[in-house]
All heavy atoms as atom14 arrays in JSON, in Angstrom:
{
  "sequence": "REEPADNLGEALQSGVAALLLSHAETASITSA",
  "atom14_mask": [
    [1, 1, 1, 1, 1, 1, 1, 1, 1, 1, 1, 0, 0, 0],
    [1, 1, 1, 1, 1, 1, 1, 1, 1, 0, 0, 0, 0, 0],
    [1, 1, 1, 1, 1, 1, 1, 1, 1, 0, 0, 0, 0, 0],
    [1, 1, 1, 1, 1, 1, 1, 0, 0, 0, 0, 0, 0, 0],
    [1, 1, 1, 1, 1, 0, 0, 0, 0, 0, 0, 0, 0, 0],
    [1, 1, 1, 1, 1, 1, 1, 1, 0, 0, 0, 0, 0, 0],
    [1, 1, 1, 1, 1, 1, 1, 1, 0, 0, 0, 0, 0, 0],
    [1, 1, 1, 1, 1, 1, 1, 1, 0, 0, 0, 0, 0, 0],
    [1, 1, 1, 1, 0, 0, 0, 0, 0, 0, 0, 0, 0, 0],
    [1, 1, 1, 1, 1, 1, 1, 1, 1, 0, 0, 0, 0, 0],
    [1, 1, 1, 1, 1, 0, 0, 0, 0, 0, 0, 0, 0, 0],
    [1, 1, 1, 1, 1, 1, 1, 1, 0, 0, 0, 0, 0, 0],
    [1, 1, 1, 1, 1, 1, 1, 1, 1, 0, 0, 0, 0, 0],
    [1, 1, 1, 1, 1, 1, 0, 0, 0, 0, 0, 0, 0, 0],
    [1, 1, 1, 1, 0, 0, 0, 0, 0, 0, 0, 0, 0, 0],
    [1, 1, 1, 1, 1, 1, 1, 0, 0, 0, 0, 0, 0, 0],
    [1, 1, 1, 1, 1, 0, 0, 0, 0, 0, 0, 0, 0, 0],
    [1, 1, 1, 1, 1, 0, 0, 0, 0, 0, 0, 0, 0, 0],
    [1, 1, 1, 1, 1, 1, 1, 1, 0, 0, 0, 0, 0, 0],
    [1, 1, 1, 1, 1, 1, 1, 1, 0, 0, 0, 0, 0, 0],
    [1, 1, 1, 1, 1, 1, 1, 1, 0, 0, 0, 0, 0, 0],
    [1, 1, 1, 1, 1, 1, 0, 0, 0, 0, 0, 0, 0, 0],
    [1, 1, 1, 1, 1, 1, 1, 1, 1, 1, 0, 0, 0, 0],
    [1, 1, 1, 1, 1, 0, 0, 0, 0, 0, 0, 0, 0, 0],
    [1, 1, 1, 1, 1, 1, 1, 1, 1, 0, 0, 0, 0, 0],
    [1, 1, 1, 1, 1, 1, 1, 0, 0, 0, 0, 0, 0, 0],
    [1, 1, 1, 1, 1, 0, 0, 0, 0, 0, 0, 0, 0, 0],
    [1, 1, 1, 1, 1, 1, 0, 0, 0, 0, 0, 0, 0, 0],
    [1, 1, 1, 1, 1, 1, 1, 1, 0, 0, 0, 0, 0, 0],
    [1, 1, 1, 1, 1, 1, 1, 0, 0, 0, 0, 0, 0, 0],
    [1, 1, 1, 1, 1, 1, 0, 0, 0, 0, 0, 0, 0, 0],
    [1, 1, 1, 1, 1, 0, 0, 0, 0, 0, 0, 0, 0, 0]
  ],
  "atom14_positions": [
    [[18.51, -12.16, 18.77], [17.76, -12.69, 17.62], [17.07, -11.62, 16.82], [16.86, -11.74, 15.62], [16.78, -13.71, 18.09], [17.35, -14.89, 18.76], [16.28, -15.9, 19.09], [15.26, -15.37, 20.01], [15.38, -15.43, 21.31], [16.44, -15.97, 21.9], [14.4, -14.92, 22.05], [0.0, 0.0, 0.0], [0.0, 0.0, 0.0], [0.0, 0.0, 0.0]],
    [[16.49, -10.59, 17.46], [15.51, -9.75, 16.81], [16.08, -8.89, 15.71], [15.53, -8.8, 14.62], [14.84, -8.86, 17.88], [14.04, -9.63, 18.93], [13.01, -10.47, 18.34], [12.42, -10.09, 17.29], [12.68, -11.6, 18.87], [0.0, 0.0, 0.0], [0.0, 0.0, 0.0], [0.0, 0.0, 0.0], [0.0, 0.0, 0.0], [0.0, 0.0, 0.0]],
    [[17.21, -8.25, 15.95], [17.69, -7.25, 14.96], [18.05, -7.96, 13.61], [17.63, -7.46, 12.55], [18.92, -6.47, 15.53], [19.39, -5.42, 14.53], [20.57, -4.63, 15.11], [20.84, -4.78, 16.3], [21.21, -3.95, 14.33], [0.0, 0.0, 0.0], [0.0, 0.0, 0.0], [0.0, 0.0, 0.0], [0.0, 0.0, 0.0], [0.0, 0.0, 0.0]],
    [[18.81, -9.03, 13.64], [19.1, -9.64, 12.32], [17.84, -10.14, 11.58], [17.76, -10.04, 10.37], [20.07, -10.85, 12.69], [20.67, -10.41, 13.99], [19.59, -9.65, 14.73], [0.0, 0.0, 0.0], [0.0, 0.0, 0.0], [0.0, 0.0, 0.0], [0.0, 0.0, 0.0], [0.0, 0.0, 0.0], [0.0, 0.0, 0.0], [0.0, 0.0, 0.0]],
    [[16.9, -10.65, 12.37], [15.67, -11.17, 11.74], [14.94, -9.98, 11.1], [14.37, -10.07, 10.05], [14.78, -11.86, 12.77], [0.0, 0.0, 0.0], [0.0, 0.0, 0.0], [0.0, 0.0, 0.0], [0.0, 0.0, 0.0], [0.0, 0.0, 0.0], [0.0, 0.0, 0.0], [0.0, 0.0, 0.0], [0.0, 0.0, 0.0], [0.0, 0.0, 0.0]],
    [[14.9, -8.86, 11.83], [14.18, -7.67, 11.34], [14.87, -7.18, 10.05], [14.15, -6.81, 9.11], [14.16, -6.56, 12.4], [13.22, -6.89, 13.54], [12.36, -7.83, 13.35], [13.3, -6.24, 14.6], [0.0, 0.0, 0.0], [0.0, 0.0, 0.0], [0.0, 0.0, 0.0], [0.0, 0.0, 0.0], [0.0, 0.0, 0.0], [0.0, 0.0, 0.0]],
    [[16.2, -7.17, 10.12], [16.89, -6.7, 8.89], [16.62, -7.57, 7.7], [16.39, -7.08, 6.55], [18.38, -6.66, 9.19], [18.76, -5.55, 10.17], [17.94, -4.62, 10.41], [19.96, -5.69, 10.78], [0.0, 0.0, 0.0], [0.0, 0.0, 0.0], [0.0, 0.0, 0.0], [0.0, 0.0, 0.0], [0.0, 0.0, 0.0], [0.0, 0.0, 0.0]],
    [[16.58, -8.87, 7.9], [16.31, -9.78, 6.81], [14.87, -9.6, 6.33], [14.59, -9.6, 5.11], [16.55, -11.28, 7.25], [16.26, -12.3, 6.21], [17.05, -12.05, 4.86], [16.59, -13.72, 6.78], [0.0, 0.0, 0.0], [0.0, 0.0, 0.0], [0.0, 0.0, 0.0], [0.0, 0.0, 0.0], [0.0, 0.0, 0.0], [0.0, 0.0, 0.0]],
    [[13.94, -9.42, 7.29], [12.55, -9.22, 6.93], [12.35, -7.96, 6.12], [11.6, -7.94, 5.12], [0.0, 0.0, 0.0], [0.0, 0.0, 0.0], [0.0, 0.0, 0.0], [0.0, 0.0, 0.0], [0.0, 0.0, 0.0], [0.0, 0.0, 0.0], [0.0, 0.0, 0.0], [0.0, 0.0, 0.0], [0.0, 0.0, 0.0], [0.0, 0.0, 0.0]],
    [[13.07, -6.92, 6.5], [13.0, -5.68, 5.72], [13.54, -5.81, 4.33], [13.01, -5.28, 3.35], [13.71, -4.59, 6.46], [13.02, -4.12, 7.75], [13.81, -3.11, 8.55], [14.85, -2.69, 8.06], [13.35, -2.76, 9.66], [0.0, 0.0, 0.0], [0.0, 0.0, 0.0], [0.0, 0.0, 0.0], [0.0, 0.0, 0.0], [0.0, 0.0, 0.0]],
    [[14.63, -6.57, 4.22], [15.22, -6.77, 2.9], [14.3, -7.6, 2.05], [14.11, -7.29, 0.81], [16.57, -7.51, 3.0], [0.0, 0.0, 0.0], [0.0, 0.0, 0.0], [0.0, 0.0, 0.0], [0.0, 0.0, 0.0], [0.0, 0.0, 0.0], [0.0, 0.0, 0.0], [0.0, 0.0, 0.0], [0.0, 0.0, 0.0], [0.0, 0.0, 0.0]],
    [[13.67, -8.62, 2.58], [12.66, -9.38, 1.81], [11.53, -8.51, 1.4], [11.0, -8.59, 0.32], [12.21, -10.61, 2.62], [13.18, -11.77, 2.7], [12.74, -12.72, 3.81], [13.36, -12.48, 1.39], [0.0, 0.0, 0.0], [0.0, 0.0, 0.0], [0.0, 0.0, 0.0], [0.0, 0.0, 0.0], [0.0, 0.0, 0.0], [0.0, 0.0, 0.0]],
    [[11.05, -7.7, 2.34], [9.94, -6.81, 2.06], [10.22, -5.85, 0.91], [9.42, -5.69, 0.0], [9.6, -5.96, 3.32], [8.49, -4.96, 3.08], [8.32, -4.04, 4.26], [8.37, -4.5, 5.39], [8.03, -2.74, 4.05], [0.0, 0.0, 0.0], [0.0, 0.0, 0.0], [0.0, 0.0, 0.0], [0.0, 0.0, 0.0], [0.0, 0.0, 0.0]],
    [[11.44, -5.26, 0.89], [11.78, -4.35, -0.17], [11.87, -5.09, -1.52], [11.41, -4.61, -2.55], [13.15, -3.73, 0.08], [13.04, -2.92, 1.31], [0.0, 0.0, 0.0], [0.0, 0.0, 0.0], [0.0, 0.0, 0.0], [0.0, 0.0, 0.0], [0.0, 0.0, 0.0], [0.0, 0.0, 0.0], [0.0, 0.0, 0.0], [0.0, 0.0, 0.0]],
    [[12.41, -6.31, -1.49], [12.53, -7.05, -2.74], [11.24, -7.48, -3.3], [10.94, -7.34, -4.49], [0.0, 0.0, 0.0], [0.0, 0.0, 0.0], [0.0, 0.0, 0.0], [0.0, 0.0, 0.0], [0.0, 0.0, 0.0], [0.0, 0.0, 0.0], [0.0, 0.0, 0.0], [0.0, 0.0, 0.0], [0.0, 0.0, 0.0], [0.0, 0.0, 0.0]],
    [[10.27, -7.89, -2.47], [8.96, -8.32, -2.95], [8.17, -7.11, -3.4], [7.52, -7.16, -4.47], [8.14, -9.02, -1.8], [6.71, -9.29, -2.22], [8.84, -10.33, -1.4], [0.0, 0.0, 0.0], [0.0, 0.0, 0.0], [0.0, 0.0, 0.0], [0.0, 0.0, 0.0], [0.0, 0.0, 0.0], [0.0, 0.0, 0.0], [0.0, 0.0, 0.0]],
    [[8.26, -5.98, -2.69], [7.57, -4.8, -3.14], [8.09, -4.28, -4.5], [7.29, -3.89, -5.37], [7.77, -3.66, -2.08], [0.0, 0.0, 0.0], [0.0, 0.0, 0.0], [0.0, 0.0, 0.0], [0.0, 0.0, 0.0], [0.0, 0.0, 0.0], [0.0, 0.0, 0.0], [0.0, 0.0, 0.0], [0.0, 0.0, 0.0], [0.0, 0.0, 0.0]],
    [[9.4, -4.37, -4.68], [9.95, -3.95, -5.98], [9.48, -4.85, -7.09], [9.16, -4.37, -8.22], [11.47, -3.93, -5.91], [0.0, 0.0, 0.0], [0.0, 0.0, 0.0], [0.0, 0.0, 0.0], [0.0, 0.0, 0.0], [0.0, 0.0, 0.0], [0.0, 0.0, 0.0], [0.0, 0.0, 0.0], [0.0, 0.0, 0.0], [0.0, 0.0, 0.0]],
    [[9.35, -6.13, -6.79], [8.85, -7.1, -7.79], [7.46, -6.77, -8.19], [7.09, -6.72, -9.41], [8.93, -8.55, -7.24], [8.38, -9.63, -8.1], [9.28, -9.92, -9.35], [8.27, -10.93, -7.33], [0.0, 0.0, 0.0], [0.0, 0.0, 0.0], [0.0, 0.0, 0.0], [0.0, 0.0, 0.0], [0.0, 0.0, 0.0], [0.0, 0.0, 0.0]],
    [[6.54, -6.53, -7.21], [5.17, -6.24, -7.47], [5.03, -4.86, -8.25], [4.25, -4.79, -9.17], [4.36, -6.13, -6.2], [4.29, -7.43, -5.37], [3.41, -7.24, -4.1], [3.74, -8.59, -6.21], [0.0, 0.0, 0.0], [0.0, 0.0, 0.0], [0.0, 0.0, 0.0], [0.0, 0.0, 0.0], [0.0, 0.0, 0.0], [0.0, 0.0, 0.0]],
    [[5.77, -3.87, -7.81], [5.69, -2.6, -8.49], [6.14, -2.68, -9.91], [5.48, -2.1, -10.82], [6.6, -1.58, -7.74], [5.95, -0.9, -6.53], [7.01, -0.1, -5.74], [4.79, 0.01, -6.92], [0.0, 0.0, 0.0], [0.0, 0.0, 0.0], [0.0, 0.0, 0.0], [0.0, 0.0, 0.0], [0.0, 0.0, 0.0], [0.0, 0.0, 0.0]],
    [[7.23, -3.41, -10.17], [7.73, -3.5, -11.55], [6.72, -4.16, -12.45], [6.45, -3.63, -13.56], [9.04, -4.36, -11.52], [9.44, -4.63, -12.85], [0.0, 0.0, 0.0], [0.0, 0.0, 0.0], [0.0, 0.0, 0.0], [0.0, 0.0, 0.0], [0.0, 0.0, 0.0], [0.0, 0.0, 0.0], [0.0, 0.0, 0.0], [0.0, 0.0, 0.0]],
    [[6.07, -5.22, -12.04], [5.1, -5.91, -12.88], [3.82, -5.05, -13.04], [3.2, -5.06, -14.11], [4.8, -7.3, -12.33], [5.93, -8.3, -12.63], [6.17, -8.78, -13.89], [6.85, -8.85, -11.79], [7.21, -9.6, -13.82], [7.65, -9.66, -12.56], [0.0, 0.0, 0.0], [0.0, 0.0, 0.0], [0.0, 0.0, 0.0], [0.0, 0.0, 0.0]],
    [[3.43, -4.37, -12.01], [2.21, -3.51, -12.08], [2.41, -2.42, -13.05], [1.58, -2.03, -13.89], [1.88, -2.98, -10.71], [0.0, 0.0, 0.0], [0.0, 0.0, 0.0], [0.0, 0.0, 0.0], [0.0, 0.0, 0.0], [0.0, 0.0, 0.0], [0.0, 0.0, 0.0], [0.0, 0.0, 0.0], [0.0, 0.0, 0.0], [0.0, 0.0, 0.0]],
    [[3.64, -1.8, -13.03], [3.95, -0.67, -13.9], [4.01, -1.18, -15.35], [3.44, -0.55, -16.26], [5.28, -0.07, -13.53], [5.63, 1.13, -14.4], [6.94, 1.8, -13.92], [7.7, 1.18, -13.23], [7.09, 3.0, -14.31], [0.0, 0.0, 0.0], [0.0, 0.0, 0.0], [0.0, 0.0, 0.0], [0.0, 0.0, 0.0], [0.0, 0.0, 0.0]],
    [[4.61, -2.33, -15.58], [4.68, -2.92, -16.92], [3.27, -3.2, -17.46], [2.99, -2.94, -18.66], [5.51, -4.17, -16.92], [6.84, -3.9, -16.51], [5.53, -4.84, -18.31], [0.0, 0.0, 0.0], [0.0, 0.0, 0.0], [0.0, 0.0, 0.0], [0.0, 0.0, 0.0], [0.0, 0.0, 0.0], [0.0, 0.0, 0.0], [0.0, 0.0, 0.0]],
    [[2.4, -3.73, -16.59], [1.02, -4.04, -16.99], [0.26, -2.81, -17.4], [-0.49, -2.77, -18.36], [0.35, -4.82, -15.9], [0.0, 0.0, 0.0], [0.0, 0.0, 0.0], [0.0, 0.0, 0.0], [0.0, 0.0, 0.0], [0.0, 0.0, 0.0], [0.0, 0.0, 0.0], [0.0, 0.0, 0.0], [0.0, 0.0, 0.0], [0.0, 0.0, 0.0]],
    [[0.45, -1.72, -16.63], [-0.26, -0.44, -16.94], [0.22, 0.1, -18.3], [-0.63, 0.45, -19.11], [-0.04, 0.55, -15.84], [-0.57, 0.17, -14.63], [0.0, 0.0, 0.0], [0.0, 0.0, 0.0], [0.0, 0.0, 0.0], [0.0, 0.0, 0.0], [0.0, 0.0, 0.0], [0.0, 0.0, 0.0], [0.0, 0.0, 0.0], [0.0, 0.0, 0.0]],
    [[1.5, 0.06, -18.55], [2.0, 0.59, -19.78], [1.51, -0.3, -20.94], [1.12, 0.15, -22.01], [3.56, 0.61, -19.8], [4.02, 1.65, -18.74], [4.14, 0.94, -21.16], [5.49, 1.61, -18.48], [0.0, 0.0, 0.0], [0.0, 0.0, 0.0], [0.0, 0.0, 0.0], [0.0, 0.0, 0.0], [0.0, 0.0, 0.0], [0.0, 0.0, 0.0]],
    [[1.56, -1.63, -20.75], [1.16, -2.57, -21.79], [-0.36, -2.4, -22.09], [-0.73, -2.47, -23.27], [1.47, -4.0, -21.37], [2.82, -4.1, -21.06], [1.05, -4.98, -22.46], [0.0, 0.0, 0.0], [0.0, 0.0, 0.0], [0.0, 0.0, 0.0], [0.0, 0.0, 0.0], [0.0, 0.0, 0.0], [0.0, 0.0, 0.0], [0.0, 0.0, 0.0]],
    [[-1.15, -2.18, -21.07], [-2.59, -1.99, -21.25], [-2.9, -0.76, -22.07], [-3.68, -0.79, -23.0], [-3.3, -1.92, -19.89], [-3.1, -3.12, -19.17], [0.0, 0.0, 0.0], [0.0, 0.0, 0.0], [0.0, 0.0, 0.0], [0.0, 0.0, 0.0], [0.0, 0.0, 0.0], [0.0, 0.0, 0.0], [0.0, 0.0, 0.0], [0.0, 0.0, 0.0]],
    [[-2.21, 0.36, -21.71], [-2.39, 1.56, -22.48], [-2.0, 1.44, -23.95], [-2.67, 1.89, -24.84], [-1.63, 2.68, -21.77], [0.0, 0.0, 0.0], [0.0, 0.0, 0.0], [0.0, 0.0, 0.0], [0.0, 0.0, 0.0], [0.0, 0.0, 0.0], [0.0, 0.0, 0.0], [0.0, 0.0, 0.0], [0.0, 0.0, 0.0], [0.0, 0.0, 0.0]]
  ]
}
């Protein structure tokens, strides 16, 4: 069970992090 769950968790983590980074970067540029 563990390895597939970990792989899926890492993929979700990367996707969520990319989403947050993208919007934070856009907000900084827009603010400036």
